[in-house]
C-alpha atoms as a PDB file:
ATOM      1  CA  GLY A   1     124.219  41.996  66.651  1.00  0.00           C
ATOM      2  CA  VAL A   2     121.677  44.608  65.643  1.00  0.00           C
ATOM      3  CA  ARG A   3     122.662  46.136  62.320  1.00  0.00           C
ATOM      4  CA  PRO A   4     123.436  49.871  62.216  1.00  0.00           C
ATOM      5  CA  LEU A   5     120.602  52.223  61.252  1.00  0.00           C
ATOM      6  CA  ASP A   6     122.585  53.090  58.117  1.00  0.00           C
ATOM      7  CA  ASP A   7     121.625  49.618  56.846  1.00  0.00           C
ATOM      8  CA  PHE A   8     117.955  50.619  57.084  1.00  0.00           C
ATOM      9  CA  MET A   9     118.095  54.361  56.318  1.00  0.00           C
ATOM     10  CA  PRO A  10     121.450  55.827  55.254  1.00  0.00           C
ATOM     11  CA  THR A  11     119.954  59.197  54.195  1.00  0.00           C
ATOM     12  CA  PHE A  12     117.462  61.097  56.305  1.00  0.00           C
ATOM     13  CA  ASP A  13     115.878  64.503  56.768  1.00  0.00           C
ATOM     14  CA  ALA A  14     115.465  64.425  60.548  1.00  0.00           C
ATOM     15  CA  ARG A  15     117.257  62.644  63.367  1.00  0.00           C
ATOM     16  CA  GLU A  16     116.777  62.367  67.128  1.00  0.00           C
ATOM     17  CA  VAL A  17     119.301  60.601  69.422  1.00  0.00           C
ATOM     18  CA  HIS A  18     119.157  59.961  73.174  1.00  0.00           C
ATOM     19  CA  SER A  19     121.112  57.742  75.574  1.00  0.00           C
ATOM     20  CA  LEU A  20     121.789  57.182  79.238  1.00  0.00           C
ATOM     21  CA  SER A  21     123.924  54.982  81.432  1.00  0.00           C
ATOM     22  CA  VAL A  22     122.334  52.118  83.370  1.00  0.00           C
ATOM     23  CA  GLU A  23     123.865  50.284  86.329  1.00  0.00           C
ATOM     24  CA  ALA A  24     122.698  46.803  85.304  1.00  0.00           C
ATOM     25  CA  PRO A  25     123.787  43.985  82.971  1.00  0.00           C
ATOM     26  CA  ALA A  26     122.928  44.489  79.277  1.00  0.00           C
ATOM     27  CA  GLY A  27     120.446  41.597  79.162  1.00  0.00           C
ATOM     28  CA  ARG A  28     118.501  42.991  82.109  1.00  0.00           C
ATOM     29  CA  VAL A  29     118.463  46.449  80.503  1.00  0.00           C
ATOM     30  CA  ASP A  30     117.102  44.999  77.251  1.00  0.00           C
ATOM     31  CA  ARG A  31     114.344  43.119  79.095  1.00  0.00           C
ATOM     32  CA  ALA A  32     113.503  46.269  81.067  1.00  0.00           C
ATOM     33  CA  VAL A  33     113.085  48.523  78.023  1.00  0.00           C
ATOM     34  CA  ARG A  34     110.820  45.944  76.361  1.00  0.00           C
ATOM     35  CA  ALA A  35     108.650  45.810  79.502  1.00  0.00           C
ATOM     36  CA  VAL A  36     108.062  49.554  79.960  1.00  0.00           C
ATOM     37  CA  ALA A  37     104.298  50.077  79.815  1.00  0.00           C
ATOM     38  CA  LEU A  38     102.524  53.060  78.294  1.00  0.00           C
ATOM     39  CA  ALA A  39     101.241  53.829  81.813  1.00  0.00           C
ATOM     40  CA  GLU A  40     104.834  54.618  82.805  1.00  0.00           C
ATOM     41  CA  ILE A  41     105.034  57.309  80.121  1.00  0.00           C
ATOM     42  CA  PRO A  42     101.740  59.216  80.256  1.00  0.00           C
ATOM     43  CA  VAL A  43     102.919  61.770  77.684  1.00  0.00           C
ATOM     44  CA  ALA A  44     103.457  58.989  75.096  1.00  0.00           C
ATOM     45  CA  ARG A  45     100.049  57.553  75.801  1.00  0.00           C
ATOM     46  CA  ALA A  46      98.452  60.980  75.473  1.00  0.00           C
ATOM     47  CA  LEU A  47     100.192  61.609  72.157  1.00  0.00           C
ATOM     48  CA  LEU A  48      99.013  58.258  70.788  1.00  0.00           C
ATOM     49  CA  ARG A  49      95.457  59.061  71.823  1.00  0.00           C
ATOM     50  CA  LEU A  50      95.628  62.580  70.406  1.00  0.00           C
ATOM     51  CA  ARG A  51      96.862  61.300  67.072  1.00  0.00           C
ATOM     52  CA  GLY A  52      94.441  58.384  66.977  1.00  0.00           C
ATOM     53  CA  VAL A  53      97.364  56.056  66.327  1.00  0.00           C
ATOM     54  CA  GLY A  54      96.908  52.374  66.995  1.00  0.00           C
ATOM     55  CA  ARG A  55      93.722  50.494  67.666  1.00  0.00           C
ATOM     56  CA  ARG A  56      94.589  50.214  71.373  1.00  0.00           C
ATOM     57  CA  GLY A  57      96.493  53.466  71.864  1.00  0.00           C
ATOM     58  CA  GLY A  58      94.947  53.966  75.273  1.00  0.00           C
ATOM     59  CA  ASP A  59      95.755  50.537  76.762  1.00  0.00           C
ATOM     60  CA  ALA A  60      98.057  51.613  79.591  1.00  0.00           C
ATOM     61  CA  ARG A  61      99.251  48.060  80.327  1.00  0.00           C
ATOM     62  CA  ARG A  62     100.649  47.541  76.851  1.00  0.00           C
ATOM     63  CA  SER A  63     104.380  47.997  76.380  1.00  0.00           C
ATOM     64  CA  VAL A  64     105.732  50.992  74.498  1.00  0.00           C
ATOM     65  CA  VAL A  65     107.669  48.602  72.239  1.00  0.00           C
ATOM     66  CA  ASP A  66     104.483  46.659  71.393  1.00  0.00           C
ATOM     67  CA  ALA A  67     102.726  49.944  70.530  1.00  0.00           C
ATOM     68  CA  MET A  68     105.586  50.909  68.200  1.00  0.00           C
ATOM     69  CA  VAL A  69     105.574  47.525  66.462  1.00  0.00           C
ATOM     70  CA  GLU A  70     101.776  47.496  66.120  1.00  0.00           C
ATOM     71  CA  ASN A  71     101.909  50.763  64.194  1.00  0.00           C
ATOM     72  CA  GLY A  72     104.895  49.830  62.075  1.00  0.00           C
ATOM     73  CA  VAL A  73     107.007  46.848  61.180  1.00  0.00           C
ATOM     74  CA  LEU A  74     109.673  45.106  63.236  1.00  0.00           C
ATOM     75  CA  LEU A  75     112.776  45.370  61.053  1.00  0.00           C
ATOM     76  CA  GLU A  76     115.175  43.575  63.359  1.00  0.00           C
ATOM     77  CA  ASP A  77     115.098  42.118  66.845  1.00  0.00           C
ATOM     78  CA  VAL A  78     118.127  40.783  68.677  1.00  0.00           C
ATOM     79  CA  PRO A  79     117.177  39.839  72.258  1.00  0.00           C
ATOM     80  CA  GLY A  80     119.704  41.178  74.728  1.00  0.00           C
ATOM     81  CA  GLU A  81     120.902  43.842  72.280  1.00  0.00           C
ATOM     82  CA  GLY A  82     117.970  45.763  70.860  1.00  0.00           C
ATOM     83  CA  LEU A  83     115.501  46.201  68.052  1.00  0.00           C
ATOM     84  CA  VAL A  84     114.649  48.376  65.048  1.00  0.00           C
ATOM     85  CA  VAL A  85     111.110  49.406  64.075  1.00  0.00           C
ATOM     86  CA  GLY A  86     110.049  51.044  60.811  1.00  0.00           C
ATOM     87  CA  LEU A  87     107.040  53.307  60.240  1.00  0.00           C
ATOM     88  CA  THR A  88     105.556  54.793  57.095  1.00  0.00           C
ATOM     89  CA  GLY A  89     103.067  57.612  56.879  1.00  0.00           C
ATOM     90  CA  GLN A  90     102.270  61.238  56.342  1.00  0.00           C
ATOM     91  CA  PHE A  91     102.940  62.026  59.979  1.00  0.00           C
ATOM     92  CA  TRP A  92     102.222  65.717  59.495  1.00  0.00           C
ATOM     93  CA  LYS A  93      98.529  64.940  59.006  1.00  0.00           C
ATOM     94  CA  LEU A  94      96.371  65.588  62.066  1.00  0.00           C
ATOM     95  CA  ARG A  95      95.092  62.043  62.653  1.00  0.00           C
ATOM     96  CA  GLY A  96      98.446  60.278  62.445  1.00  0.00           C
ATOM     97  CA  GLY A  97      98.662  59.730  58.732  1.00  0.00           C
ATOM     98  CA  LEU A  98      99.947  56.147  58.911  1.00  0.00           C
ATOM     99  CA  ALA A  99     100.239  54.738  55.400  1.00  0.00           C
ATOM    100  CA  VAL A 100      97.268  52.569  54.460  1.00  0.00           C
ATOM    101  CA  ASP A 101      99.522  50.503  52.218  1.00  0.00           C
ATOM    102  CA  ARG A 102     102.196  50.248  54.882  1.00  0.00           C
ATOM    103  CA  PRO A 103     104.789  47.488  54.692  1.00  0.00           C
ATOM    104  CA  HIS A 104     104.507  44.409  56.897  1.00  0.00           C
ATOM    105  CA  THR A 105     107.981  42.928  56.437  1.00  0.00           C
ATOM    106  CA  SER A 106     111.531  44.237  56.518  1.00  0.00           C
ATOM    107  CA  GLU A 107     111.856  43.603  52.765  1.00  0.00           C
ATOM    108  CA  GLU A 108     108.651  45.534  52.023  1.00  0.00           C
ATOM    109  CA  PHE A 109     109.879  48.418  54.192  1.00  0.00           C
ATOM    110  CA  ARG A 110     113.212  48.594  52.364  1.00  0.00           C
ATOM    111  CA  SER A 111     111.508  48.733  48.966  1.00  0.00           C
ATOM    112  CA  TYR A 112     108.640  51.055  49.978  1.00  0.00           C
ATOM    113  CA  ALA A 113     108.812  53.882  47.460  1.00  0.00           C
ATOM    114  CA  ARG A 114     105.908  56.333  47.799  1.00  0.00           C
ATOM    115  CA  ALA A 115     107.621  59.719  47.506  1.00  0.00           C
ATOM    116  CA  ASP A 116     104.852  61.571  49.385  1.00  0.00           C
ATOM    117  CA  VAL A 117     105.093  59.275  52.407  1.00  0.00           C
ATOM    118  CA  ALA A 118     107.725  59.499  55.131  1.00  0.00           C
ATOM    119  CA  ARG A 119     109.717  56.459  56.159  1.00  0.00           C
ATOM    120  CA  ALA A 120     110.950  56.447  59.752  1.00  0.00           C
ATOM    121  CA  VAL A 121     113.184  54.061  61.654  1.00  0.00           C
ATOM    122  CA  MET A 122     113.645  53.938  65.402  1.00  0.00           C
ATOM    123  CA  ASP A 123     115.991  51.719  67.289  1.00  0.00           C
ATOM    124  CA  VAL A 124     116.470  50.916  70.937  1.00  0.00           C
ATOM    125  CA  ARG A 125     119.917  49.476  71.664  1.00  0.00           C
ATOM    126  CA  VAL A 126     121.826  48.259  74.658  1.00  0.00           C
ATOM    127  CA  HIS A 127     125.605  48.719  74.621  1.00  0.00           C
ATOM    128  CA  PRO A 128     127.380  46.780  77.392  1.00  0.00           C
ATOM    129  CA  ILE A 129     130.139  48.719  79.153  1.00  0.00           C
ATOM    130  CA  GLY A 130     131.016  45.962  81.586  1.00  0.00           C
ATOM    131  CA  PRO A 131     129.335  43.064  83.334  1.00  0.00           C
ATOM    132  CA  GLU A 132     127.122  45.346  85.458  1.00  0.00           C
ATOM    133  CA  ARG A 133     126.778  48.490  83.339  1.00  0.00           C
ATOM    134  CA  ALA A 134     125.360  49.428  79.948  1.00  0.00           C
ATOM    135  CA  VAL A 135     124.350  52.386  77.836  1.00  0.00           C
ATOM    136  CA  LEU A 136     120.747  52.383  76.650  1.00  0.00           C
ATOM    137  CA  ALA A 137     120.279  54.404  73.476  1.00  0.00           C
ATOM    138  CA  THR A 138     117.605  55.247  70.959  1.00  0.00           C
ATOM    139  CA  GLU A 139     117.858  56.897  67.566  1.00  0.00           C
ATOM    140  CA  THR A 140     115.065  57.957  65.234  1.00  0.00           C
ATOM    141  CA  ARG A 141     115.557  58.862  61.572  1.00  0.00           C
ATOM    142  CA  VAL A 142     112.979  60.108  59.089  1.00  0.00           C
ATOM    143  CA  HIS A 143     113.217  60.499  55.314  1.00  0.00           C
ATOM    144  CA  VAL A 144     110.635  62.097  53.006  1.00  0.00           C
ATOM    145  CA  PRO A 145     111.602  61.843  49.306  1.00  0.00           C
ATOM    146  CA  ASP A 146     109.110  64.369  47.846  1.00  0.00           C
ATOM    147  CA  PRO A 147     110.244  68.009  48.374  1.00  0.00           C
ATOM    148  CA  ARG A 148     106.696  69.328  48.970  1.00  0.00           C
ATOM    149  CA  ALA A 149     105.898  66.567  51.464  1.00  0.00           C
ATOM    150  CA  ARG A 150     109.326  67.074  53.075  1.00  0.00           C
ATOM    151  CA  ARG A 151     108.540  70.757  53.703  1.00  0.00           C
ATOM    152  CA  LYS A 152     105.270  69.716  55.420  1.00  0.00           C
ATOM    153  CA  PHE A 153     107.148  67.177  57.494  1.00  0.00           C
ATOM    154  CA  ILE A 154     109.857  69.667  58.520  1.00  0.00           C
ATOM    155  CA  ARG A 155     107.191  72.148  59.721  1.00  0.00           C
ATOM    156  CA  TYR A 156     105.478  69.330  61.645  1.00  0.00           C
ATOM    157  CA  TRP A 157     108.810  68.119  63.067  1.00  0.00           C
ATOM    158  CA  SER A 158     109.701  71.606  64.327  1.00  0.00           C
ATOM    159  CA  VAL A 159     106.587  71.465  66.534  1.00  0.00           C
ATOM    160  CA  VAL A 160     106.596  67.770  67.468  1.00  0.00           C
ATOM    161  CA  ARG A 161     110.306  67.154  67.969  1.00  0.00           C
ATOM    162  CA  PRO A 162     110.455  68.284  71.628  1.00  0.00           C
ATOM    163  CA  PHE A 163     107.556  65.949  72.521  1.00  0.00           C
ATOM    164  CA  SER A 164     109.025  63.126  70.454  1.00  0.00           C
ATOM    165  CA  GLY A 165     112.334  63.561  72.246  1.00  0.00           C
ATOM    166  CA  LEU A 166     110.645  63.735  75.629  1.00  0.00           C
ATOM    167  CA  THR A 167     108.858  60.415  75.066  1.00  0.00           C
ATOM    168  CA  ARG A 168     112.147  58.749  74.168  1.00  0.00           C
ATOM    169  CA  VAL A 169     113.961  60.211  77.186  1.00  0.00           C
ATOM    170  CA  LEU A 170     111.126  59.070  79.447  1.00  0.00           C
ATOM    171  CA  LEU A 171     111.224  55.581  77.881  1.00  0.00           C
ATOM    172  CA  LEU A 172     114.957  55.348  78.621  1.00  0.00           C
ATOM    173  CA  ARG A 173     114.488  56.613  82.199  1.00  0.00           C
ATOM    174  CA  ALA A 174     111.630  54.176  82.885  1.00  0.00           C
ATOM    175  CA  ALA A 175     113.753  51.311  81.522  1.00  0.00           C
ATOM    176  CA  ARG A 176     116.679  52.394  83.704  1.00  0.00           C
ATOM    177  CA  ALA A 177     114.434  52.457  86.799  1.00  0.00           C
ATOM    178  CA  ARG A 178     113.186  48.948  86.002  1.00  0.00           C
ATOM    179  CA  ALA A 179     116.675  47.590  85.271  1.00  0.00           C
ATOM    180  CA  GLU A 180     118.254  49.121  88.375  1.00  0.00           C
ATOM    181  CA  ALA A 181     115.429  48.075  90.734  1.00  0.00           C
ATOM    182  CA  PRO A 182     116.296  45.306  93.196  1.00  0.00           C
ATOM    183  CA  ALA A 183     115.495  41.901  91.715  1.00  0.00           C
END
């Protein structure tokens, strides 16, 4: 199965967790969350555009998961269960602040050691409750080693957290609507 986030980031400075119940088999829920397009979550698309993140931030047909992976690194992917994406950057900077020297593999992400750069992990997981029901959950963790950079991040996070949380809640709701729709 998908390893716990503690395997990727046991210590963190910020955390955001959301989940909801879905009346569909776990495999269908996993496929649904991977298929949610940016067009289904206009606020996420707007935030990507505002921040200038991603070369195709405005492509409404692209999946939210693809947008996350494009801007980070896929740390783990277990079809039917979920995935973990890692990001590095000085997110508190106006234009996104993605690390120029960002890692491209799970091993590079684990060993990435710039103290002035935040490391973030986000997972999307499906927890089966029975044959026709599952819980879809997401957790985001962020760690900034340098105290000065951490203070900048915490100020940024106090402003951005509600929007960050909203995009995750809307992702989960859009996935639930897809998974529960008649086949």
